[in-house]
């Protein structure tokens, strides 16, 4: 069982984590939605 998690972080309201998620997927990682950690606005 794979224990890969993704951490996506943005720092402004104008940004989204979608680009980061696409980059992770294009690198060949298959990550389930429940394995993605997102932080918005620090």
N, C-alpha and C. Protein backbone atom coordinates (compact mmCIF):
# COMPACT_ATOMS: atom_id res chain seq x y z
N UNK A 1 0.84 -1.18 0.00
CA UNK A 1 0.00 0.00 0.00
C UNK A 1 0.89 1.24 0.00
N UNK A 2 0.63 2.15 -0.92
CA UNK A 2 1.41 3.37 -1.04
C UNK A 2 0.97 4.41 -0.01
N UNK A 3 1.93 5.08 0.57
CA UNK A 3 1.63 6.13 1.55
C UNK A 3 2.09 7.48 1.03
N UNK A 4 1.74 7.79 -0.21
CA UNK A 4 2.12 9.06 -0.82
C UNK A 4 1.04 10.09 -0.53
N UNK A 5 1.49 11.26 -0.07
CA UNK A 5 0.60 12.37 0.16
C UNK A 5 1.11 13.57 -0.62
N UNK A 6 0.23 14.48 -0.97
CA UNK A 6 0.61 15.71 -1.66
C UNK A 6 0.30 16.88 -0.75
N UNK A 7 1.21 17.84 -0.72
CA UNK A 7 1.01 19.05 0.07
C UNK A 7 0.99 20.22 -0.90
N UNK A 8 -0.14 20.92 -0.98
CA UNK A 8 -0.30 22.07 -1.85
C UNK A 8 -0.60 23.29 -0.99
N UNK A 9 0.09 24.39 -1.27
CA UNK A 9 -0.09 25.58 -0.45
C UNK A 9 -0.14 26.81 -1.35
N UNK A 10 -1.09 27.70 -1.05
CA UNK A 10 -1.18 28.98 -1.74
C UNK A 10 -1.19 30.09 -0.71
N UNK A 11 -0.82 31.30 -1.15
CA UNK A 11 -0.71 32.38 -0.17
C UNK A 11 -1.58 33.60 -0.47
N UNK A 12 -2.33 33.58 -1.58
CA UNK A 12 -3.23 34.69 -1.86
C UNK A 12 -4.59 34.17 -2.30
N UNK A 13 -5.58 35.02 -2.23
CA UNK A 13 -6.93 34.63 -2.64
C UNK A 13 -7.03 34.39 -4.15
N UNK A 14 -6.13 35.00 -4.93
CA UNK A 14 -6.18 34.88 -6.38
C UNK A 14 -5.60 33.56 -6.89
N UNK A 15 -4.95 32.80 -6.04
CA UNK A 15 -4.31 31.56 -6.46
C UNK A 15 -5.21 30.36 -6.15
N UNK A 16 -4.94 29.25 -6.86
CA UNK A 16 -5.60 27.98 -6.57
C UNK A 16 -4.53 26.89 -6.50
N UNK A 17 -4.88 25.78 -5.91
CA UNK A 17 -3.94 24.66 -5.83
C UNK A 17 -4.05 23.76 -7.06
N UNK A 18 -4.93 24.08 -7.97
CA UNK A 18 -5.15 23.23 -9.15
C UNK A 18 -3.88 23.04 -9.97
N UNK A 19 -3.10 24.10 -10.19
CA UNK A 19 -1.86 23.97 -10.96
C UNK A 19 -0.89 23.01 -10.28
N UNK A 20 -0.79 23.10 -8.97
CA UNK A 20 0.10 22.22 -8.22
C UNK A 20 -0.36 20.77 -8.34
N UNK A 21 -1.65 20.56 -8.27
CA UNK A 21 -2.19 19.20 -8.40
C UNK A 21 -1.90 18.63 -9.78
N UNK A 22 -2.06 19.45 -10.82
CA UNK A 22 -1.77 19.00 -12.19
C UNK A 22 -0.30 18.64 -12.36
N UNK A 23 0.59 19.44 -11.78
CA UNK A 23 2.03 19.16 -11.87
C UNK A 23 2.37 17.83 -11.21
N UNK A 24 1.77 17.57 -10.08
CA UNK A 24 2.00 16.30 -9.36
C UNK A 24 1.53 15.13 -10.22
N UNK A 25 0.34 15.26 -10.80
CA UNK A 25 -0.19 14.19 -11.65
C UNK A 25 0.63 14.01 -12.92
N UNK A 26 1.10 15.11 -13.51
CA UNK A 26 1.89 15.00 -14.74
C UNK A 26 3.26 14.38 -14.47
N UNK A 27 3.71 14.42 -13.22
CA UNK A 27 4.97 13.77 -12.85
C UNK A 27 4.78 12.26 -12.67
N UNK A 28 3.54 11.80 -12.80
CA UNK A 28 3.28 10.36 -12.74
C UNK A 28 2.75 9.85 -11.42
N UNK A 29 2.47 10.74 -10.49
CA UNK A 29 1.94 10.32 -9.19
C UNK A 29 0.43 10.21 -9.26
N UNK A 30 -0.10 9.13 -8.76
CA UNK A 30 -1.55 8.92 -8.67
C UNK A 30 -1.93 9.08 -7.20
N UNK A 31 -2.53 10.21 -6.88
CA UNK A 31 -2.85 10.51 -5.49
C UNK A 31 -4.36 10.65 -5.34
N UNK A 32 -4.91 9.95 -4.39
CA UNK A 32 -6.34 10.02 -4.12
C UNK A 32 -6.67 11.36 -3.47
N UNK A 33 -7.88 11.89 -3.71
CA UNK A 33 -8.26 13.18 -3.12
C UNK A 33 -8.06 13.25 -1.61
N UNK A 34 -8.30 12.15 -0.90
CA UNK A 34 -8.14 12.17 0.55
C UNK A 34 -6.67 12.19 0.97
N UNK A 35 -5.75 12.06 0.01
CA UNK A 35 -4.32 12.09 0.30
C UNK A 35 -3.69 13.42 -0.09
N UNK A 36 -4.51 14.41 -0.38
CA UNK A 36 -4.01 15.74 -0.74
C UNK A 36 -4.28 16.69 0.41
N UNK A 37 -3.23 17.33 0.86
CA UNK A 37 -3.33 18.31 1.94
C UNK A 37 -3.19 19.69 1.31
N UNK A 38 -4.17 20.55 1.54
CA UNK A 38 -4.15 21.89 0.96
C UNK A 38 -4.20 22.93 2.06
N UNK A 39 -3.39 23.97 1.90
CA UNK A 39 -3.43 25.12 2.80
C UNK A 39 -3.69 26.35 1.96
N UNK A 40 -4.63 27.13 2.41
CA UNK A 40 -5.00 28.36 1.72
C UNK A 40 -4.73 29.54 2.64
N UNK A 41 -4.11 30.55 2.12
CA UNK A 41 -3.85 31.80 2.84
C UNK A 41 -3.17 31.56 4.19
N UNK A 42 -1.93 31.94 4.24
CA UNK A 42 -1.21 31.77 5.51
C UNK A 42 -1.32 33.01 6.38
